Structure formats: C-alpha cells, structure tokens
PDB file of N, CA and C in Angstrom:
ATOM      1  N   MET A   1       0.870  -1.164   0.011  1.00  0.00           N
ATOM      2  CA  MET A   1       0.001   0.000  -0.010  1.00  0.00           C
ATOM      3  C   MET A   1       0.886   1.235   0.011  1.00  0.00           C
ATOM      4  N   LYS A   2       0.563   2.185  -0.847  1.00  0.00           N
ATOM      5  CA  LYS A   2       1.349   3.415  -0.958  1.00  0.00           C
ATOM      6  C   LYS A   2       1.022   4.397   0.139  1.00  0.00           C
ATOM      7  N   LYS A   3       2.012   5.193   0.476  1.00  0.00           N
ATOM      8  CA  LYS A   3       1.826   6.184   1.511  1.00  0.00           C
ATOM      9  C   LYS A   3       0.624   7.097   1.138  1.00  0.00           C
ATOM     10  N   GLY A   4      -0.239   7.345   2.084  1.00  0.00           N
ATOM     11  CA  GLY A   4      -1.357   8.201   1.862  1.00  0.00           C
ATOM     12  C   GLY A   4      -2.625   7.434   1.465  1.00  0.00           C
ATOM     13  N   GLU A   5      -2.485   6.203   1.030  1.00  0.00           N
ATOM     14  CA  GLU A   5      -3.651   5.364   0.706  1.00  0.00           C
ATOM     15  C   GLU A   5      -4.218   4.813   1.986  1.00  0.00           C
ATOM     16  N   GLU A   6      -5.546   4.798   2.047  1.00  0.00           N
ATOM     17  CA  GLU A   6      -6.201   4.213   3.177  1.00  0.00           C
ATOM     18  C   GLU A   6      -6.729   2.869   2.892  1.00  0.00           C
ATOM     19  N   LYS A   7      -6.832   2.034   3.879  1.00  0.00           N
ATOM     20  CA  LYS A   7      -7.434   0.701   3.737  1.00  0.00           C
ATOM     21  C   LYS A   7      -8.911   0.839   3.454  1.00  0.00           C
ATOM     22  N   LYS A   8      -9.477   0.057   2.580  1.00  0.00           N
ATOM     23  CA  LYS A   8     -10.902   0.140   2.353  1.00  0.00           C
ATOM     24  C   LYS A   8     -11.520  -1.213   2.762  1.00  0.00           C
ATOM     25  N   PHE A   9     -12.596  -1.060   3.440  1.00  0.00           N
ATOM     26  CA  PHE A   9     -13.340  -2.287   3.972  1.00  0.00           C
ATOM     27  C   PHE A   9     -14.770  -2.225   3.508  1.00  0.00           C
ATOM     28  N   THR A  10     -15.424  -3.390   3.544  1.00  0.00           N
ATOM     29  CA  THR A  10     -16.805  -3.515   3.300  1.00  0.00           C
ATOM     30  C   THR A  10     -17.455  -4.214   4.498  1.00  0.00           C
ATOM     31  N   THR A  11     -18.711  -4.271   4.481  1.00  0.00           N
ATOM     32  CA  THR A  11     -19.413  -5.034   5.544  1.00  0.00           C
ATOM     33  C   THR A  11     -20.062  -6.272   4.945  1.00  0.00           C
ATOM     34  N   VAL A  12     -19.895  -7.367   5.680  1.00  0.00           N
ATOM     35  CA  VAL A  12     -20.514  -8.664   5.287  1.00  0.00           C
ATOM     36  C   VAL A  12     -21.340  -9.082   6.487  1.00  0.00           C
ATOM     37  N   SER A  13     -22.570  -9.434   6.221  1.00  0.00           N
ATOM     38  CA  SER A  13     -23.498  -9.868   7.358  1.00  0.00           C
ATOM     39  C   SER A  13     -23.424 -11.349   7.496  1.00  0.00           C
ATOM     40  N   ILE A  14     -23.398 -11.848   8.719  1.00  0.00           N
ATOM     41  CA  ILE A  14     -23.424 -13.201   9.042  1.00  0.00           C
ATOM     42  C   ILE A  14     -24.508 -13.389  10.150  1.00  0.00           C
ATOM     43  N   PRO A  15     -25.062 -14.572  10.222  1.00  0.00           N
ATOM     44  CA  PRO A  15     -26.052 -14.816  11.312  1.00  0.00           C
ATOM     45  C   PRO A  15     -25.450 -14.605  12.707  1.00  0.00           C
ATOM     46  N   THR A  16     -26.216 -14.023  13.564  1.00  0.00           N
ATOM     47  CA  THR A  16     -25.773 -13.739  14.937  1.00  0.00           C
ATOM     48  C   THR A  16     -25.222 -15.019  15.639  1.00  0.00           C
ATOM     49  N   PRO A  17     -25.913 -16.199  15.551  1.00  0.00           N
ATOM     50  CA  PRO A  17     -25.324 -17.353  16.215  1.00  0.00           C
ATOM     51  C   PRO A  17     -23.958 -17.730  15.697  1.00  0.00           C
ATOM     52  N   LEU A  18     -23.691 -17.557  14.438  1.00  0.00           N
ATOM     53  CA  LEU A  18     -22.369 -17.823  13.860  1.00  0.00           C
ATOM     54  C   LEU A  18     -21.366 -16.839  14.414  1.00  0.00           C
ATOM     55  N   PHE A  19     -21.698 -15.514  14.475  1.00  0.00           N
ATOM     56  CA  PHE A  19     -20.840 -14.524  15.013  1.00  0.00           C
ATOM     57  C   PHE A  19     -20.470 -14.902  16.439  1.00  0.00           C
ATOM     58  N   GLN A  20     -21.464 -15.313  17.210  1.00  0.00           N
ATOM     59  CA  GLN A  20     -21.150 -15.687  18.635  1.00  0.00           C
ATOM     60  C   GLN A  20     -20.235 -16.900  18.740  1.00  0.00           C
ATOM     61  N   LYS A  21     -20.416 -17.856  17.846  1.00  0.00           N
ATOM     62  CA  LYS A  21     -19.579 -19.010  17.794  1.00  0.00           C
ATOM     63  C   LYS A  21     -18.154 -18.643  17.516  1.00  0.00           C
ATOM     64  N   ILE A  22     -17.962 -17.743  16.590  1.00  0.00           N
ATOM     65  CA  ILE A  22     -16.661 -17.256  16.200  1.00  0.00           C
ATOM     66  C   ILE A  22     -16.063 -16.459  17.405  1.00  0.00           C
ATOM     67  N   GLN A  23     -16.811 -15.619  18.073  1.00  0.00           N
ATOM     68  CA  GLN A  23     -16.340 -14.940  19.237  1.00  0.00           C
ATOM     69  C   GLN A  23     -15.780 -15.903  20.267  1.00  0.00           C
ATOM     70  N   ASP A  24     -16.533 -16.991  20.478  1.00  0.00           N
ATOM     71  CA  ASP A  24     -16.079 -18.017  21.449  1.00  0.00           C
ATOM     72  C   ASP A  24     -14.812 -18.688  20.959  1.00  0.00           C
ATOM     73  N   ARG A  25     -14.752 -18.967  19.679  1.00  0.00           N
ATOM     74  CA  ARG A  25     -13.582 -19.675  19.138  1.00  0.00           C
ATOM     75  C   ARG A  25     -12.272 -18.869  19.245  1.00  0.00           C
ATOM     76  N   ILE A  26     -12.368 -17.559  19.097  1.00  0.00           N
ATOM     77  CA  ILE A  26     -11.169 -16.732  19.053  1.00  0.00           C
ATOM     78  C   ILE A  26     -10.705 -16.242  20.408  1.00  0.00           C
ATOM     79  N   LYS A  27     -11.494 -16.550  21.433  1.00  0.00           N
ATOM     80  CA  LYS A  27     -11.039 -16.189  22.815  1.00  0.00           C
ATOM     81  C   LYS A  27      -9.695 -16.863  23.081  1.00  0.00           C
ATOM     82  N   GLY A  28      -8.789 -16.053  23.620  1.00  0.00           N
ATOM     83  CA  GLY A  28      -7.434 -16.519  23.957  1.00  0.00           C
ATOM     84  C   GLY A  28      -6.524 -16.783  22.782  1.00  0.00           C
ATOM     85  N   THR A  29      -6.925 -16.309  21.625  1.00  0.00           N
ATOM     86  CA  THR A  29      -6.047 -16.390  20.411  1.00  0.00           C
ATOM     87  C   THR A  29      -5.506 -14.994  20.146  1.00  0.00           C
ATOM     88  N   GLY A  30      -4.758 -14.915  19.055  1.00  0.00           N
ATOM     89  CA  GLY A  30      -4.219 -13.584  18.654  1.00  0.00           C
ATOM     90  C   GLY A  30      -5.171 -12.771  17.882  1.00  0.00           C
ATOM     91  N   PHE A  31      -6.322 -13.294  17.595  1.00  0.00           N
ATOM     92  CA  PHE A  31      -7.300 -12.520  16.826  1.00  0.00           C
ATOM     93  C   PHE A  31      -7.990 -11.505  17.725  1.00  0.00           C
ATOM     94  N   THR A  32      -8.003 -10.268  17.267  1.00  0.00           N
ATOM     95  CA  THR A  32      -8.570  -9.203  18.101  1.00  0.00           C
ATOM     96  C   THR A  32     -10.041  -8.927  17.762  1.00  0.00           C
ATOM     97  N   SER A  33     -10.582  -9.510  16.723  1.00  0.00           N
ATOM     98  CA  SER A  33     -11.988  -9.312  16.349  1.00  0.00           C
ATOM     99  C   SER A  33     -12.512 -10.444  15.521  1.00  0.00           C
ATOM    100  N   VAL A  34     -13.829 -10.528  15.460  1.00  0.00           N
ATOM    101  CA  VAL A  34     -14.462 -11.536  14.577  1.00  0.00           C
ATOM    102  C   VAL A  34     -14.064 -11.215  13.137  1.00  0.00           C
ATOM    103  N   SER A  35     -14.020  -9.929  12.808  1.00  0.00           N
ATOM    104  CA  SER A  35     -13.712  -9.589  11.403  1.00  0.00           C
ATOM    105  C   SER A  35     -12.298  -9.993  11.029  1.00  0.00           C
ATOM    106  N   SER A  36     -11.354  -9.838  11.928  1.00  0.00           N
ATOM    107  CA  SER A  36      -9.981 -10.241  11.561  1.00  0.00           C
ATOM    108  C   SER A  36      -9.910 -11.817  11.403  1.00  0.00           C
ATOM    109  N   TYR A  37     -10.628 -12.510  12.169  1.00  0.00           N
ATOM    110  CA  TYR A  37     -10.631 -13.971  12.054  1.00  0.00           C
ATOM    111  C   TYR A  37     -11.297 -14.376  10.720  1.00  0.00           C
ATOM    112  N   VAL A  38     -12.455 -13.795  10.453  1.00  0.00           N
ATOM    113  CA  VAL A  38     -13.129 -14.143   9.192  1.00  0.00           C
ATOM    114  C   VAL A  38     -12.306 -13.794   7.983  1.00  0.00           C
ATOM    115  N   ALA A  39     -11.633 -12.618   8.012  1.00  0.00           N
ATOM    116  CA  ALA A  39     -10.736 -12.255   6.903  1.00  0.00           C
ATOM    117  C   ALA A  39      -9.628 -13.284   6.750  1.00  0.00           C
ATOM    118  N   TYR A  40      -9.070 -13.739   7.855  1.00  0.00           N
ATOM    119  CA  TYR A  40      -8.003 -14.735   7.812  1.00  0.00           C
ATOM    120  C   TYR A  40      -8.514 -16.054   7.244  1.00  0.00           C
ATOM    121  N   VAL A  41      -9.670 -16.501   7.657  1.00  0.00           N
ATOM    122  CA  VAL A  41     -10.222 -17.785   7.142  1.00  0.00           C
ATOM    123  C   VAL A  41     -10.530 -17.635   5.629  1.00  0.00           C
ATOM    124  N   LEU A  42     -11.067 -16.515   5.231  1.00  0.00           N
ATOM    125  CA  LEU A  42     -11.435 -16.344   3.811  1.00  0.00           C
ATOM    126  C   LEU A  42     -10.124 -16.338   2.959  1.00  0.00           C
ATOM    127  N   ARG A  43      -9.092 -15.680   3.467  1.00  0.00           N
ATOM    128  CA  ARG A  43      -7.822 -15.642   2.691  1.00  0.00           C
ATOM    129  C   ARG A  43      -7.273 -17.049   2.507  1.00  0.00           C
ATOM    130  N   GLU A  44      -7.390 -17.865   3.612  1.00  0.00           N
ATOM    131  CA  GLU A  44      -6.876 -19.223   3.522  1.00  0.00           C
ATOM    132  C   GLU A  44      -7.669 -20.030   2.496  1.00  0.00           C
ATOM    133  N   VAL A  45      -8.985 -19.856   2.487  1.00  0.00           N
ATOM    134  CA  VAL A  45      -9.840 -20.592   1.558  1.00  0.00           C
ATOM    135  C   VAL A  45      -9.588 -20.211   0.123  1.00  0.00           C
ATOM    136  N   ILE A  46      -9.509 -18.960  -0.154  1.00  0.00           N
ATOM    137  CA  ILE A  46      -9.389 -18.558  -1.564  1.00  0.00           C
ATOM    138  C   ILE A  46      -7.971 -18.771  -2.095  1.00  0.00           C
ATOM    139  N   THR A  47      -6.978 -18.913  -1.257  1.00  0.00           N
ATOM    140  CA  THR A  47      -5.642 -19.119  -1.764  1.00  0.00           C
ATOM    141  C   THR A  47      -5.278 -20.576  -1.902  1.00  0.00           C
ATOM    142  N   GLU A  48      -6.136 -21.481  -1.450  1.00  0.00           N
ATOM    143  CA  GLU A  48      -5.857 -22.901  -1.602  1.00  0.00           C
ATOM    144  C   GLU A  48      -5.917 -23.290  -3.087  1.00  0.00           C
ATOM    145  N   GLU A  49      -4.972 -24.098  -3.487  1.00  0.00           N
ATOM    146  CA  GLU A  49      -4.893 -24.556  -4.870  1.00  0.00           C
ATOM    147  C   GLU A  49      -5.584 -25.929  -4.941  1.00  0.00           C
ATOM    148  N   PRO A  50      -6.560 -26.078  -5.858  1.00  0.00           N
ATOM    149  CA  PRO A  50      -7.172 -27.365  -5.940  1.00  0.00           C
ATOM    150  C   PRO A  50      -6.178 -28.425  -6.455  1.00  0.00           C
ATOM    151  N   ASP A  51      -6.348 -29.655  -5.876  1.00  0.00           N
ATOM    152  CA  ASP A  51      -5.425 -30.770  -6.279  1.00  0.00           C
ATOM    153  C   ASP A  51      -5.810 -31.397  -7.559  1.00  0.00           C
ATOM    154  N   GLU A  52      -7.024 -31.179  -7.969  1.00  0.00           N
ATOM    155  CA  GLU A  52      -7.506 -31.801  -9.225  1.00  0.00           C
ATOM    156  C   GLU A  52      -8.468 -30.804  -9.899  1.00  0.00           C
ATOM    157  N   GLU A  53      -8.871 -31.171 -11.119  1.00  0.00           N
ATOM    158  CA  GLU A  53      -9.749 -30.283 -11.863  1.00  0.00           C
ATOM    159  C   GLU A  53     -11.058 -29.994 -11.124  1.00  0.00           C
ATOM    160  N   GLN A  54     -11.667 -31.048 -10.631  1.00  0.00           N
ATOM    161  CA  GLN A  54     -12.869 -30.943  -9.889  1.00  0.00           C
ATOM    162  C   GLN A  54     -12.556 -30.608  -8.448  1.00  0.00           C
ATOM    163  N   PRO A  55     -12.951 -29.431  -7.942  1.00  0.00           N
ATOM    164  CA  PRO A  55     -12.542 -28.968  -6.624  1.00  0.00           C
ATOM    165  C   PRO A  55     -13.071 -29.834  -5.497  1.00  0.00           C
ATOM    166  N   PHE A  56     -14.279 -30.414  -5.643  1.00  0.00           N
ATOM    167  CA  PHE A  56     -14.894 -31.192  -4.535  1.00  0.00           C
ATOM    168  C   PHE A  56     -15.433 -32.537  -5.122  1.00  0.00           C
ATOM    169  N   SER A  57     -15.140 -33.539  -4.339  1.00  0.00           N
ATOM    170  CA  SER A  57     -15.778 -34.854  -4.677  1.00  0.00           C
ATOM    171  C   SER A  57     -17.236 -34.802  -4.273  1.00  0.00           C
ATOM    172  N   LYS A  58     -18.022 -35.764  -4.678  1.00  0.00           N
ATOM    173  CA  LYS A  58     -19.436 -35.822  -4.267  1.00  0.00           C
ATOM    174  C   LYS A  58     -19.543 -35.930  -2.692  1.00  0.00           C
ATOM    175  N   GLU A  59     -18.606 -36.689  -2.116  1.00  0.00           N
ATOM    176  CA  GLU A  59     -18.586 -36.840  -0.627  1.00  0.00           C
ATOM    177  C   GLU A  59     -18.286 -35.505   0.014  1.00  0.00           C
ATOM    178  N   ASP A  60     -17.315 -34.731  -0.529  1.00  0.00           N
ATOM    179  CA  ASP A  60     -17.007 -33.399  -0.005  1.00  0.00           C
ATOM    180  C   ASP A  60     -18.198 -32.505  -0.094  1.00  0.00           C
ATOM    181  N   GLU A  61     -18.835 -32.560  -1.251  1.00  0.00           N
ATOM    182  CA  GLU A  61     -20.029 -31.694  -1.492  1.00  0.00           C
ATOM    183  C   GLU A  61     -21.106 -31.985  -0.442  1.00  0.00           C
ATOM    184  N   GLU A  62     -21.343 -33.219  -0.194  1.00  0.00           N
ATOM    185  CA  GLU A  62     -22.356 -33.626   0.766  1.00  0.00           C
ATOM    186  C   GLU A  62     -21.986 -33.165   2.189  1.00  0.00           C
ATOM    187  N   ARG A  63     -20.731 -33.281   2.519  1.00  0.00           N
ATOM    188  CA  ARG A  63     -20.264 -32.813   3.841  1.00  0.00           C
ATOM    189  C   ARG A  63     -20.463 -31.290   3.971  1.00  0.00           C
ATOM    190  N   ILE A  64     -20.139 -30.556   2.902  1.00  0.00           N
ATOM    191  CA  ILE A  64     -20.344 -29.128   2.897  1.00  0.00           C
ATOM    192  C   ILE A  64     -21.768 -28.742   3.029  1.00  0.00           C
ATOM    193  N   LYS A  65     -22.637 -29.435   2.267  1.00  0.00           N
ATOM    194  CA  LYS A  65     -24.082 -29.157   2.427  1.00  0.00           C
ATOM    195  C   LYS A  65     -24.617 -29.465   3.793  1.00  0.00           C
ATOM    196  N   ASP A  66     -24.150 -30.546   4.403  1.00  0.00           N
ATOM    197  CA  ASP A  66     -24.521 -30.858   5.769  1.00  0.00           C
ATOM    198  C   ASP A  66     -24.089 -29.779   6.733  1.00  0.00           C
ATOM    199  N   ARG A  67     -22.895 -29.296   6.588  1.00  0.00           N
ATOM    200  CA  ARG A  67     -22.438 -28.252   7.438  1.00  0.00           C
ATOM    201  C   ARG A  67     -23.200 -26.955   7.270  1.00  0.00           C
ATOM    202  N   LEU A  68     -23.503 -26.624   5.997  1.00  0.00           N
ATOM    203  CA  LEU A  68     -24.336 -25.431   5.713  1.00  0.00           C
ATOM    204  C   LEU A  68     -25.731 -25.536   6.267  1.00  0.00           C
ATOM    205  N   ARG A  69     -26.297 -26.719   6.282  1.00  0.00           N
ATOM    206  CA  ARG A  69     -27.577 -26.978   6.853  1.00  0.00           C
ATOM    207  C   ARG A  69     -27.504 -26.760   8.390  1.00  0.00           C
ATOM    208  N   ALA A  70     -26.425 -27.287   9.004  1.00  0.00           N
ATOM    209  CA  ALA A  70     -26.255 -27.153  10.457  1.00  0.00           C
ATOM    210  C   ALA A  70     -26.077 -25.662  10.871  1.00  0.00           C
ATOM    211  N   LEU A  71     -25.517 -24.869   9.961  1.00  0.00           N
ATOM    212  CA  LEU A  71     -25.314 -23.467  10.282  1.00  0.00           C
ATOM    213  C   LEU A  71     -26.532 -22.633   9.908  1.00  0.00           C
ATOM    214  N   GLY A  72     -27.560 -23.277   9.320  1.00  0.00           N
ATOM    215  CA  GLY A  72     -28.786 -22.562   8.976  1.00  0.00           C
ATOM    216  C   GLY A  72     -28.767 -21.900   7.613  1.00  0.00           C
ATOM    217  N   TYR A  73     -27.866 -22.192   6.777  1.00  0.00           N
ATOM    218  CA  TYR A  73     -27.812 -21.615   5.410  1.00  0.00           C
ATOM    219  C   TYR A  73     -28.651 -22.350   4.396  1.00  0.00           C
ATOM    220  N   LEU A  74     -28.873 -23.693   4.647  1.00  0.00           N
ATOM    221  CA  LEU A  74     -29.689 -24.511   3.753  1.00  0.00           C
ATOM    222  C   LEU A  74     -30.767 -25.135   4.554  1.00  0.00           C
ATOM    223  N   ASP A  75     -31.873 -25.407   3.888  1.00  0.00           N
ATOM    224  CA  ASP A  75     -33.007 -26.051   4.592  1.00  0.00           C
ATOM    225  C   ASP A  75     -33.006 -27.556   4.242  1.00  0.00           C
TER     226      ASP A  75
END
C-alpha cells in the first residue's frame, strides 16, 4: 500500500449465532476481532490450490451441504 492510501473495507453480514460461535472460538487467540478472524479464514480458503480439476468430490459436497444446513444456510 502506498503512503497516503487508506485501507478500504466493506461489511458482510453473518447470522448472529455464527458470530457468537466465532467470538467463542477466538477467545485466547491472537485474533482481536471476529472480522480479523473471518478475513484470515477467507484468505486461507481462496488461496488454496485445488489438487484436481474438480474441486470437490461428491462426498466433500455432501459434507459441505450438511455443514451449511447445520449453520442454517440451507433447509
């Protein structure tokens, strides 16, 4: 970042229960806020290189869907 440039941020909404779970998870860690933890996790996810052409197997896809259901994103 060049001198004089400011950091730009946006707002992303997440369900309150998820926010609270993240707050509990980061207690006692080096993360100072839910936002910093979420930014870290997203950076890790988007920088992963897929091992194969198809990023998820059917089994992975089902596990992801189950997790999204548990978090309340899918019915």
